[in-house]
Amino acid sequence: MTFFAQELHASRCVGILLAHQADDRAENLVLRLARGCGAEGLSSFGWGGGLPGSPELRIWRPLLDETHAAQVAWLRARRQSWVEDVSNADLSIPRNAIRRVLVPLLPHFTSGANAAADLLAEESACLNRLAQAAVFAGSEQTLELRPGTDPVLIRRALRAWLPTTLTRQQTEALLALQLGSVTQVTGGLTVKRIGESAWARL
């Protein structure tokens, strides 16, 4: 995303339009399911948001209501050509296998997967609000949660607190840390357990 941020700043643009469509989002959900993602990951990508690493810049996806087939039909009706990525025929690429093998077996796959992603996004946003409400005290260096906070919300709070993407294993390691113990996470960050429901960045 650094390249996009540099180009947007150089062009004095505030954001970028991406061509992701409904099939892309459905395929992404399945790929994330195979990786063991929870609701946050399975909500896939949405209509827009901040550019990762550059929140002052925006991303918009105006075609999420459209399928690839609908777009191709629209172009054909107007006798317009389009560029098809030659790698789309390679079934060794998981997203292509989903598109060419799974989708024909499940006619409502794309619409159903997108509906599920929308529901998961709503539920994920709700859990994020509950996790934020569970924070007793927080700063860039420390995080303290209210006693008795559910582990689901603790995981959410930890992921929101740290300025890096945590793997499931790293999140569980933070949750399992003994008082006074430390562990390293992505980005070279070291985290210490400083209380029953408190952690600190070192």
Protein backbone atom coordinates (compact mmCIF):
# COMPACT_ATOMS: atom_id res chain seq x y z
CA MET A 1 0.00 0.00 0.00
CA THR A 2 3.04 2.29 0.34
CA PHE A 3 3.20 2.64 -3.46
CA PHE A 4 -0.44 3.74 -3.66
CA ALA A 5 0.05 6.22 -0.82
CA GLN A 6 3.08 7.76 -2.54
CA GLU A 7 1.29 8.03 -5.88
CA LEU A 8 -1.86 9.51 -4.33
CA HIS A 9 0.11 12.12 -2.43
CA ALA A 10 2.17 12.97 -5.52
CA SER A 11 -1.03 13.40 -7.57
CA ARG A 12 -2.76 15.34 -4.78
CA CYS A 13 -5.58 12.78 -4.72
CA VAL A 14 -7.57 11.87 -1.62
CA GLY A 15 -8.23 8.23 -2.47
CA ILE A 16 -8.43 5.45 -5.00
CA LEU A 17 -11.27 3.52 -6.66
CA LEU A 18 -10.76 -0.25 -6.73
CA ALA A 19 -12.49 -2.63 -9.13
CA HIS A 20 -13.24 -5.39 -6.62
CA GLN A 21 -16.67 -6.89 -7.33
CA ALA A 22 -19.05 -9.33 -5.65
CA ASP A 23 -17.25 -12.47 -6.87
CA ASP A 24 -13.92 -11.18 -5.53
CA ARG A 25 -15.42 -10.62 -2.09
CA ALA A 26 -17.06 -14.06 -2.01
CA GLU A 27 -13.81 -15.77 -3.04
CA ASN A 28 -11.89 -13.77 -0.45
CA LEU A 29 -14.27 -14.97 2.28
CA VAL A 30 -13.59 -18.62 1.40
CA LEU A 31 -9.83 -18.07 1.29
CA ARG A 32 -9.93 -16.45 4.73
CA LEU A 33 -12.14 -19.26 6.04
CA ALA A 34 -9.47 -21.74 4.90
CA ARG A 35 -6.87 -19.73 6.87
CA GLY A 36 -8.96 -20.02 10.04
CA CYS A 37 -10.09 -16.39 10.29
CA GLY A 38 -12.81 -15.31 12.69
CA ALA A 39 -15.69 -12.90 12.10
CA GLU A 40 -13.37 -9.94 11.67
CA GLY A 41 -11.47 -11.58 8.82
CA LEU A 42 -14.48 -13.33 7.28
CA SER A 43 -16.26 -10.01 6.83
CA SER A 44 -13.72 -9.67 4.02
CA PHE A 45 -13.43 -6.20 2.50
CA GLY A 46 -16.19 -3.61 2.42
CA TRP A 47 -17.24 -0.63 0.36
CA GLY A 48 -14.39 1.53 1.54
CA GLY A 49 -12.27 2.83 4.36
CA GLY A 50 -8.88 4.23 5.11
CA LEU A 51 -5.85 3.12 3.12
CA PRO A 52 -3.85 0.78 5.40
CA GLY A 53 -0.90 2.71 6.79
CA SER A 54 -2.27 6.03 5.51
CA PRO A 55 -5.68 6.62 7.15
CA GLU A 56 -5.90 10.12 5.71
CA LEU A 57 -6.30 8.50 2.27
CA ARG A 58 -9.41 6.58 1.25
CA ILE A 59 -10.32 3.41 -0.64
CA TRP A 60 -13.65 3.03 -2.45
CA ARG A 61 -15.08 -0.14 -4.04
CA PRO A 62 -18.16 0.98 -6.01
CA LEU A 63 -18.67 -2.35 -7.84
CA LEU A 64 -19.31 -4.69 -4.90
CA ASP A 65 -22.97 -5.06 -5.92
CA GLU A 66 -21.97 -6.29 -9.39
CA THR A 67 -20.78 -9.76 -10.41
CA HIS A 68 -18.10 -10.43 -13.01
CA ALA A 69 -20.74 -11.98 -15.29
CA ALA A 70 -22.97 -8.89 -15.05
CA GLN A 71 -20.07 -6.62 -15.96
CA VAL A 72 -19.12 -8.80 -18.94
CA ALA A 73 -22.76 -8.79 -20.12
CA TRP A 74 -22.87 -4.99 -19.82
CA LEU A 75 -19.72 -4.65 -21.94
CA ARG A 76 -20.93 -7.14 -24.57
CA ALA A 77 -24.26 -5.33 -24.88
CA ARG A 78 -22.30 -2.21 -25.78
CA ARG A 79 -19.81 -4.08 -27.99
CA GLN A 80 -16.96 -3.12 -25.73
CA SER A 81 -13.86 -5.24 -25.15
CA TRP A 82 -12.10 -5.85 -21.85
CA VAL A 83 -8.81 -7.28 -20.63
CA GLU A 84 -8.96 -10.70 -18.99
CA ASP A 85 -6.01 -11.67 -16.78
CA VAL A 86 -4.48 -14.79 -18.38
CA SER A 87 -3.73 -16.18 -14.91
CA ASN A 88 -7.50 -16.55 -14.32
CA ALA A 89 -7.38 -19.89 -16.15
CA ASP A 90 -4.75 -21.35 -13.80
CA LEU A 91 -6.59 -23.69 -11.41
CA SER A 92 -3.51 -24.03 -9.20
CA ILE A 93 -4.34 -20.54 -7.94
CA PRO A 94 -6.92 -21.03 -5.15
CA ARG A 95 -9.18 -18.10 -6.10
CA ASN A 96 -9.50 -19.51 -9.64
CA ALA A 97 -10.36 -22.98 -8.33
CA ILE A 98 -13.12 -21.43 -6.20
CA ARG A 99 -14.45 -19.48 -9.19
CA ARG A 100 -14.35 -22.33 -11.71
CA VAL A 101 -15.11 -25.38 -9.55
CA LEU A 102 -17.02 -24.31 -6.43
CA VAL A 103 -19.22 -21.54 -7.86
CA PRO A 104 -20.84 -23.71 -10.61
CA LEU A 105 -21.81 -26.26 -7.92
CA LEU A 106 -23.45 -23.59 -5.75
CA PRO A 107 -25.52 -21.21 -7.92
CA HIS A 108 -26.20 -18.83 -5.03
CA PHE A 109 -22.64 -18.87 -3.75
CA THR A 110 -21.73 -15.26 -4.58
CA SER A 111 -24.91 -13.67 -3.23
CA GLY A 112 -24.91 -15.90 -0.14
CA ALA A 113 -21.25 -15.30 0.64
CA ASN A 114 -21.68 -11.54 0.28
CA ALA A 115 -24.74 -11.58 2.54
CA ALA A 116 -22.72 -13.54 5.12
CA ALA A 117 -19.85 -11.07 4.83
CA ASP A 118 -22.25 -8.16 5.47
CA LEU A 119 -23.65 -9.86 8.59
CA LEU A 120 -20.18 -10.71 9.84
CA ALA A 121 -19.07 -7.11 9.32
CA GLU A 122 -21.99 -5.86 11.43
CA GLU A 123 -21.28 -8.39 14.18
CA SER A 124 -17.58 -7.62 14.08
CA ALA A 125 -18.26 -3.89 14.45
CA CYS A 126 -20.49 -4.65 17.46
CA LEU A 127 -17.75 -6.74 19.08
CA ASN A 128 -15.25 -3.94 18.45
CA ARG A 129 -17.52 -1.49 20.29
CA LEU A 130 -17.88 -3.90 23.21
CA ALA A 131 -14.11 -4.41 23.30
CA GLN A 132 -13.56 -0.65 23.38
CA ALA A 133 -16.05 -0.33 26.24
CA ALA A 134 -14.10 -3.00 28.16
CA VAL A 135 -10.94 -0.84 28.16
CA PHE A 136 -10.39 0.55 31.66
CA ALA A 137 -7.29 2.55 30.73
CA GLY A 138 -5.34 2.69 27.52
CA SER A 139 -2.47 4.54 25.91
CA GLU A 140 0.06 3.89 23.18
CA GLN A 141 2.26 2.07 25.71
CA THR A 142 -0.21 0.28 27.98
CA LEU A 143 -3.59 -1.45 27.83
CA GLU A 144 -5.69 -2.31 30.87
CA LEU A 145 -9.06 -4.01 30.58
CA ARG A 146 -11.85 -4.30 33.11
CA PRO A 147 -11.62 -7.41 35.32
CA GLY A 148 -13.68 -10.33 34.05
CA THR A 149 -13.61 -9.20 30.40
CA ASP A 150 -14.51 -12.08 28.08
CA PRO A 151 -11.49 -13.52 26.17
CA VAL A 152 -13.22 -12.76 22.85
CA LEU A 153 -13.21 -9.06 23.72
CA ILE A 154 -9.68 -9.21 25.13
CA ARG A 155 -8.42 -10.54 21.79
CA ARG A 156 -10.20 -7.72 19.99
CA ALA A 157 -8.80 -5.08 22.34
CA LEU A 158 -5.26 -6.41 21.97
CA ARG A 159 -5.46 -6.40 18.17
CA ALA A 160 -6.83 -2.85 18.15
CA TRP A 161 -4.18 -1.65 20.62
CA LEU A 162 -1.07 -2.88 18.85
CA PRO A 163 0.05 -1.07 15.65
CA THR A 164 0.65 -4.31 13.76
CA THR A 165 -1.29 -7.27 12.43
CA LEU A 166 -1.32 -10.16 14.88
CA THR A 167 -1.56 -13.80 13.89
CA ARG A 168 -3.96 -16.02 15.82
CA GLN A 169 -0.96 -17.67 17.52
CA GLN A 170 0.47 -14.30 18.61
CA THR A 171 -2.89 -13.17 19.99
CA GLU A 172 -3.23 -16.39 21.99
CA ALA A 173 0.35 -16.00 23.24
CA LEU A 174 -0.50 -12.53 24.59
CA LEU A 175 -3.62 -13.89 26.25
CA ALA A 176 -1.65 -16.75 27.86
CA LEU A 177 1.28 -14.62 29.10
CA GLN A 178 2.09 -15.05 32.77
CA LEU A 179 2.41 -11.94 34.94
CA GLY A 180 5.81 -10.35 34.30
CA SER A 181 6.50 -12.44 31.18
CA VAL A 182 7.21 -11.00 27.73
CA THR A 183 6.68 -12.12 24.14
CA GLN A 184 7.49 -10.71 20.72
CA VAL A 185 4.92 -10.03 18.02
CA THR A 186 5.02 -8.98 14.37
CA GLY A 187 7.08 -5.89 13.68
CA GLY A 188 9.62 -6.59 16.39
CA LEU A 189 7.36 -5.37 19.18
CA THR A 190 7.87 -6.79 22.66
CA VAL A 191 4.84 -6.99 24.96
CA LYS A 192 4.85 -7.65 28.71
CA ARG A 193 2.00 -8.81 30.94
CA ILE A 194 1.86 -6.23 33.75
CA GLY A 195 -1.41 -7.20 35.40
CA GLU A 196 -4.28 -9.66 35.38
CA SER A 197 -5.88 -7.71 32.53
CA ALA A 198 -3.02 -5.39 31.55
CA TRP A 199 -0.20 -5.38 29.00
CA ALA A 200 2.61 -2.96 28.14
CA ARG A 201 4.74 -2.35 25.05
CA LEU A 202 8.47 -2.34 25.78
